[in-house]
N, C-alpha and C. Protein backbone atom coordinates (compact mmCIF):
# COMPACT_ATOMS: atom_id res chain seq x y z
N MET A 1 102.26 71.74 61.94
CA MET A 1 101.28 71.79 63.02
C MET A 1 100.19 72.81 62.68
N ASP A 2 98.98 72.45 62.93
CA ASP A 2 97.89 73.38 62.70
C ASP A 2 97.63 74.23 63.95
N LEU A 3 96.74 75.19 63.80
CA LEU A 3 96.48 76.15 64.88
C LEU A 3 95.94 75.48 66.15
N SER A 4 95.06 74.50 66.01
CA SER A 4 94.46 73.87 67.19
C SER A 4 95.50 73.11 68.02
N SER A 5 96.46 72.46 67.37
CA SER A 5 97.49 71.75 68.14
C SER A 5 98.44 72.74 68.81
N ASN A 6 98.68 73.90 68.19
CA ASN A 6 99.49 74.94 68.83
C ASN A 6 98.80 75.48 70.07
N LEU A 7 97.49 75.69 69.99
CA LEU A 7 96.74 76.18 71.15
C LEU A 7 96.76 75.18 72.29
N ILE A 8 96.64 73.91 71.95
CA ILE A 8 96.68 72.87 72.99
C ILE A 8 98.05 72.85 73.65
N LEU A 9 99.11 72.98 72.87
CA LEU A 9 100.46 73.02 73.42
C LEU A 9 100.65 74.23 74.33
N VAL A 10 100.15 75.39 73.92
CA VAL A 10 100.25 76.61 74.73
C VAL A 10 99.49 76.43 76.05
N ILE A 11 98.31 75.86 76.00
CA ILE A 11 97.52 75.63 77.22
C ILE A 11 98.24 74.67 78.15
N ILE A 12 98.82 73.61 77.61
CA ILE A 12 99.54 72.64 78.45
C ILE A 12 100.76 73.27 79.10
N VAL A 13 101.54 74.04 78.34
CA VAL A 13 102.75 74.65 78.88
C VAL A 13 102.42 75.70 79.94
N THR A 14 101.44 76.56 79.66
CA THR A 14 101.09 77.59 80.65
C THR A 14 100.44 76.98 81.89
N SER A 15 99.65 75.94 81.72
CA SER A 15 99.06 75.27 82.88
C SER A 15 100.15 74.62 83.72
N GLY A 16 101.12 73.99 83.07
CA GLY A 16 102.23 73.38 83.81
C GLY A 16 103.01 74.41 84.60
N ALA A 17 103.29 75.56 83.99
CA ALA A 17 104.04 76.61 84.69
C ALA A 17 103.23 77.16 85.87
N THR A 18 101.95 77.34 85.67
CA THR A 18 101.10 77.86 86.74
C THR A 18 101.03 76.88 87.91
N PHE A 19 100.78 75.62 87.62
CA PHE A 19 100.65 74.64 88.70
C PHE A 19 101.99 74.35 89.36
N ALA A 20 103.09 74.42 88.61
CA ALA A 20 104.42 74.20 89.21
C ALA A 20 104.74 75.31 90.21
N SER A 21 104.43 76.56 89.84
CA SER A 21 104.72 77.66 90.77
C SER A 21 103.82 77.58 92.00
N ARG A 22 102.58 77.17 91.81
CA ARG A 22 101.69 77.01 92.97
C ARG A 22 102.15 75.87 93.87
N PHE A 23 102.60 74.78 93.28
CA PHE A 23 103.08 73.65 94.06
C PHE A 23 104.32 74.05 94.86
N LEU A 24 105.24 74.77 94.23
CA LEU A 24 106.42 75.24 94.95
C LEU A 24 106.04 76.22 96.06
N GLY A 25 105.02 77.02 95.83
CA GLY A 25 104.54 77.93 96.87
C GLY A 25 103.99 77.18 98.06
N ILE A 26 103.28 76.11 97.79
CA ILE A 26 102.73 75.29 98.89
C ILE A 26 103.86 74.67 99.70
N LEU A 27 104.88 74.18 99.00
CA LEU A 27 106.00 73.55 99.70
C LEU A 27 106.77 74.53 100.58
N THR A 28 106.93 75.75 100.10
CA THR A 28 107.74 76.73 100.84
C THR A 28 106.93 77.55 101.84
N ALA A 29 105.61 77.62 101.68
CA ALA A 29 104.79 78.47 102.55
C ALA A 29 104.71 77.95 103.97
N GLU A 30 104.95 76.68 104.14
CA GLU A 30 104.85 76.10 105.48
C GLU A 30 105.88 76.70 106.43
N ASN A 31 107.04 77.05 105.91
CA ASN A 31 108.11 77.59 106.74
C ASN A 31 108.16 79.11 106.75
N LEU A 32 107.21 79.76 106.10
CA LEU A 32 107.22 81.22 105.98
C LEU A 32 106.16 81.82 106.89
N SER A 33 106.58 82.70 107.76
CA SER A 33 105.65 83.36 108.68
C SER A 33 105.03 84.56 107.98
N ASP A 34 103.74 84.77 108.17
CA ASP A 34 103.10 85.93 107.56
C ASP A 34 103.47 87.23 108.26
N LYS A 35 104.23 87.15 109.32
CA LYS A 35 104.70 88.34 110.03
C LYS A 35 106.16 88.68 109.66
N SER A 36 106.75 87.91 108.76
CA SER A 36 108.16 88.11 108.42
C SER A 36 108.34 89.28 107.46
N LYS A 37 109.54 89.79 107.41
CA LYS A 37 109.86 90.90 106.51
C LYS A 37 109.82 90.45 105.05
N LEU A 38 110.18 89.19 104.78
CA LEU A 38 110.12 88.68 103.42
C LEU A 38 108.68 88.65 102.92
N PHE A 39 107.77 88.22 103.77
CA PHE A 39 106.35 88.19 103.41
C PHE A 39 105.85 89.61 103.15
N ASP A 40 106.24 90.56 104.00
CA ASP A 40 105.86 91.96 103.80
C ASP A 40 106.40 92.49 102.47
N TRP A 41 107.63 92.12 102.13
CA TRP A 41 108.23 92.58 100.88
C TRP A 41 107.45 92.06 99.68
N PHE A 42 107.13 90.75 99.67
CA PHE A 42 106.34 90.18 98.58
C PHE A 42 104.96 90.83 98.49
N ASN A 43 104.37 91.12 99.62
CA ASN A 43 103.07 91.79 99.66
C ASN A 43 103.16 93.18 99.03
N CYS A 44 104.21 93.92 99.37
CA CYS A 44 104.40 95.26 98.81
C CYS A 44 104.64 95.21 97.31
N VAL A 45 105.42 94.24 96.86
CA VAL A 45 105.68 94.09 95.42
C VAL A 45 104.39 93.76 94.68
N ALA A 46 103.59 92.86 95.24
CA ALA A 46 102.34 92.48 94.59
C ALA A 46 101.39 93.68 94.48
N TYR A 47 101.26 94.46 95.55
CA TYR A 47 100.38 95.62 95.51
C TYR A 47 100.92 96.70 94.57
N SER A 48 102.22 96.87 94.49
CA SER A 48 102.76 97.88 93.59
C SER A 48 102.57 97.49 92.13
N ILE A 49 102.69 96.20 91.83
CA ILE A 49 102.43 95.74 90.46
C ILE A 49 100.96 95.95 90.10
N LEU A 50 100.07 95.63 91.02
CA LEU A 50 98.64 95.83 90.79
C LEU A 50 98.33 97.31 90.57
N ALA A 51 98.91 98.19 91.39
CA ALA A 51 98.69 99.63 91.24
C ALA A 51 99.23 100.12 89.90
N ALA A 52 100.37 99.62 89.48
CA ALA A 52 100.94 100.02 88.20
C ALA A 52 100.06 99.56 87.03
N LEU A 53 99.52 98.37 87.11
CA LEU A 53 98.64 97.88 86.05
C LEU A 53 97.35 98.68 85.97
N ILE A 54 96.79 99.01 87.12
CA ILE A 54 95.57 99.82 87.12
C ILE A 54 95.85 101.21 86.57
N ALA A 55 96.96 101.81 86.97
CA ALA A 55 97.33 103.13 86.46
C ALA A 55 97.55 103.08 84.95
N ARG A 56 98.17 102.03 84.47
CA ARG A 56 98.39 101.89 83.03
C ARG A 56 97.06 101.79 82.27
N MET A 57 96.12 101.04 82.84
CA MET A 57 94.81 100.90 82.19
C MET A 57 94.06 102.23 82.17
N VAL A 58 94.24 103.04 83.19
CA VAL A 58 93.54 104.32 83.25
C VAL A 58 94.20 105.34 82.32
N ILE A 59 95.52 105.43 82.36
CA ILE A 59 96.22 106.46 81.59
C ILE A 59 96.41 106.07 80.13
N PHE A 60 96.75 104.81 79.88
CA PHE A 60 96.96 104.32 78.51
C PHE A 60 96.02 103.15 78.23
N PRO A 61 94.74 103.44 78.03
CA PRO A 61 93.77 102.35 77.87
C PRO A 61 93.93 101.63 76.53
N ALA A 62 93.41 100.43 76.49
CA ALA A 62 93.39 99.65 75.26
C ALA A 62 92.00 99.05 75.10
N GLY A 63 91.66 98.71 73.90
CA GLY A 63 90.39 98.06 73.63
C GLY A 63 89.19 98.96 73.88
N ALA A 64 88.20 98.44 74.58
CA ALA A 64 86.96 99.16 74.81
C ALA A 64 87.14 100.40 75.67
N LEU A 65 88.18 100.42 76.51
CA LEU A 65 88.42 101.59 77.36
C LEU A 65 88.83 102.82 76.55
N LEU A 66 89.28 102.62 75.32
CA LEU A 66 89.66 103.76 74.47
C LEU A 66 88.47 104.67 74.16
N GLU A 67 87.28 104.10 74.25
CA GLU A 67 86.07 104.87 73.92
C GLU A 67 85.68 105.84 75.04
N SER A 68 86.23 105.68 76.23
CA SER A 68 85.90 106.58 77.33
C SER A 68 87.03 107.60 77.52
N THR A 69 86.66 108.72 78.11
CA THR A 69 87.66 109.76 78.35
C THR A 69 88.41 109.48 79.65
N LEU A 70 89.52 110.16 79.82
CA LEU A 70 90.32 110.00 81.04
C LEU A 70 89.51 110.43 82.26
N LEU A 71 88.75 111.50 82.15
CA LEU A 71 87.93 111.98 83.26
C LEU A 71 86.92 110.92 83.70
N ILE A 72 86.27 110.27 82.75
CA ILE A 72 85.29 109.23 83.08
C ILE A 72 85.97 108.07 83.79
N ARG A 73 87.14 107.65 83.30
CA ARG A 73 87.85 106.53 83.93
C ARG A 73 88.26 106.87 85.36
N ILE A 74 88.71 108.11 85.58
CA ILE A 74 89.11 108.52 86.93
C ILE A 74 87.91 108.58 87.86
N ILE A 75 86.78 109.11 87.38
CA ILE A 75 85.56 109.18 88.19
C ILE A 75 85.11 107.77 88.58
N VAL A 76 85.13 106.84 87.64
CA VAL A 76 84.71 105.46 87.92
C VAL A 76 85.61 104.82 88.95
N ILE A 77 86.92 105.04 88.85
CA ILE A 77 87.84 104.46 89.83
C ILE A 77 87.62 105.06 91.21
N LEU A 78 87.44 106.37 91.29
CA LEU A 78 87.23 107.00 92.60
C LEU A 78 85.95 106.49 93.27
N ILE A 79 84.86 106.44 92.50
CA ILE A 79 83.60 105.95 93.06
C ILE A 79 83.71 104.49 93.47
N SER A 80 84.37 103.68 92.64
CA SER A 80 84.54 102.26 92.97
C SER A 80 85.41 102.07 94.21
N ALA A 81 86.44 102.89 94.37
CA ALA A 81 87.29 102.80 95.56
C ALA A 81 86.51 103.16 96.81
N ILE A 82 85.68 104.20 96.72
CA ILE A 82 84.85 104.59 97.87
C ILE A 82 83.87 103.48 98.23
N VAL A 83 83.25 102.88 97.23
CA VAL A 83 82.32 101.77 97.48
C VAL A 83 83.06 100.58 98.08
N PHE A 84 84.26 100.30 97.58
CA PHE A 84 85.08 99.21 98.12
C PHE A 84 85.37 99.42 99.60
N ILE A 85 85.75 100.62 99.97
CA ILE A 85 86.08 100.92 101.37
C ILE A 85 84.84 100.85 102.25
N HIS A 86 83.72 101.40 101.78
CA HIS A 86 82.51 101.43 102.59
C HIS A 86 81.76 100.10 102.62
N SER A 87 82.07 99.20 101.69
CA SER A 87 81.40 97.90 101.68
C SER A 87 82.23 96.84 102.39
N LYS A 88 83.11 97.29 103.28
CA LYS A 88 83.97 96.39 104.07
C LYS A 88 84.84 95.52 103.16
N LYS A 89 85.41 96.15 102.14
CA LYS A 89 86.36 95.53 101.20
C LYS A 89 85.74 94.38 100.40
N ASN A 90 84.49 94.56 100.02
CA ASN A 90 83.81 93.62 99.14
C ASN A 90 84.27 93.91 97.71
N LEU A 91 84.77 92.93 96.98
CA LEU A 91 85.26 93.14 95.62
C LEU A 91 84.16 93.06 94.57
N VAL A 92 83.10 92.32 94.85
CA VAL A 92 82.06 92.10 93.85
C VAL A 92 81.28 93.38 93.56
N LEU A 93 80.86 94.06 94.59
CA LEU A 93 80.04 95.26 94.43
C LEU A 93 80.74 96.36 93.62
N PRO A 94 81.98 96.76 93.95
CA PRO A 94 82.62 97.80 93.14
C PRO A 94 82.95 97.34 91.72
N THR A 95 83.18 96.05 91.52
CA THR A 95 83.46 95.56 90.17
C THR A 95 82.23 95.70 89.29
N ILE A 96 81.09 95.28 89.80
CA ILE A 96 79.84 95.40 89.03
C ILE A 96 79.49 96.87 88.84
N LEU A 97 79.64 97.66 89.90
CA LEU A 97 79.35 99.09 89.81
C LEU A 97 80.24 99.79 88.81
N SER A 98 81.52 99.44 88.77
CA SER A 98 82.43 100.08 87.81
C SER A 98 82.03 99.79 86.37
N PHE A 99 81.58 98.56 86.10
CA PHE A 99 81.11 98.23 84.77
C PHE A 99 79.88 99.06 84.40
N ILE A 100 78.93 99.14 85.33
CA ILE A 100 77.70 99.90 85.07
C ILE A 100 78.00 101.38 84.88
N LEU A 101 78.84 101.95 85.76
CA LEU A 101 79.18 103.36 85.67
C LEU A 101 79.93 103.69 84.38
N LEU A 102 80.89 102.85 84.03
CA LEU A 102 81.67 103.09 82.82
C LEU A 102 80.79 103.02 81.59
N THR A 103 79.90 102.05 81.55
CA THR A 103 78.98 101.93 80.42
C THR A 103 78.04 103.12 80.34
N PHE A 104 77.46 103.51 81.48
CA PHE A 104 76.52 104.62 81.53
C PHE A 104 77.20 105.94 81.16
N LEU A 105 78.32 106.23 81.80
CA LEU A 105 79.00 107.52 81.54
C LEU A 105 79.58 107.60 80.13
N SER A 106 80.04 106.48 79.60
CA SER A 106 80.58 106.49 78.24
C SER A 106 79.49 106.74 77.20
N ASN A 107 78.28 106.25 77.47
CA ASN A 107 77.17 106.48 76.54
C ASN A 107 76.62 107.89 76.62
N ILE A 108 76.77 108.53 77.79
CA ILE A 108 76.28 109.90 77.94
C ILE A 108 77.21 110.90 77.24
N TYR A 109 78.53 110.72 77.44
CA TYR A 109 79.48 111.69 76.88
C TYR A 109 80.10 111.21 75.64
């Protein structure tokens, strides 16, 4: 098998897994109340995983983030979090701002 057929196989398998889990979620979500303790538990797990991934990216960066210092990364996150809160939880504005800030501060220092 050549590389292109391997990539096609990987795309098919990962797409199947993604759509299967979404389909099962649709089937089971009808009977799940968003006020239930199970829903709260899944919500907490999802937010904790997201927080852990963000912390990992800040403390142990990879790729282009290696070029910035820890102080710059922390400053960008704090400013982006403040903008997120004050922009009524708009995700687009802090995402674009974080890119601009990280690029600007990394080029200065």
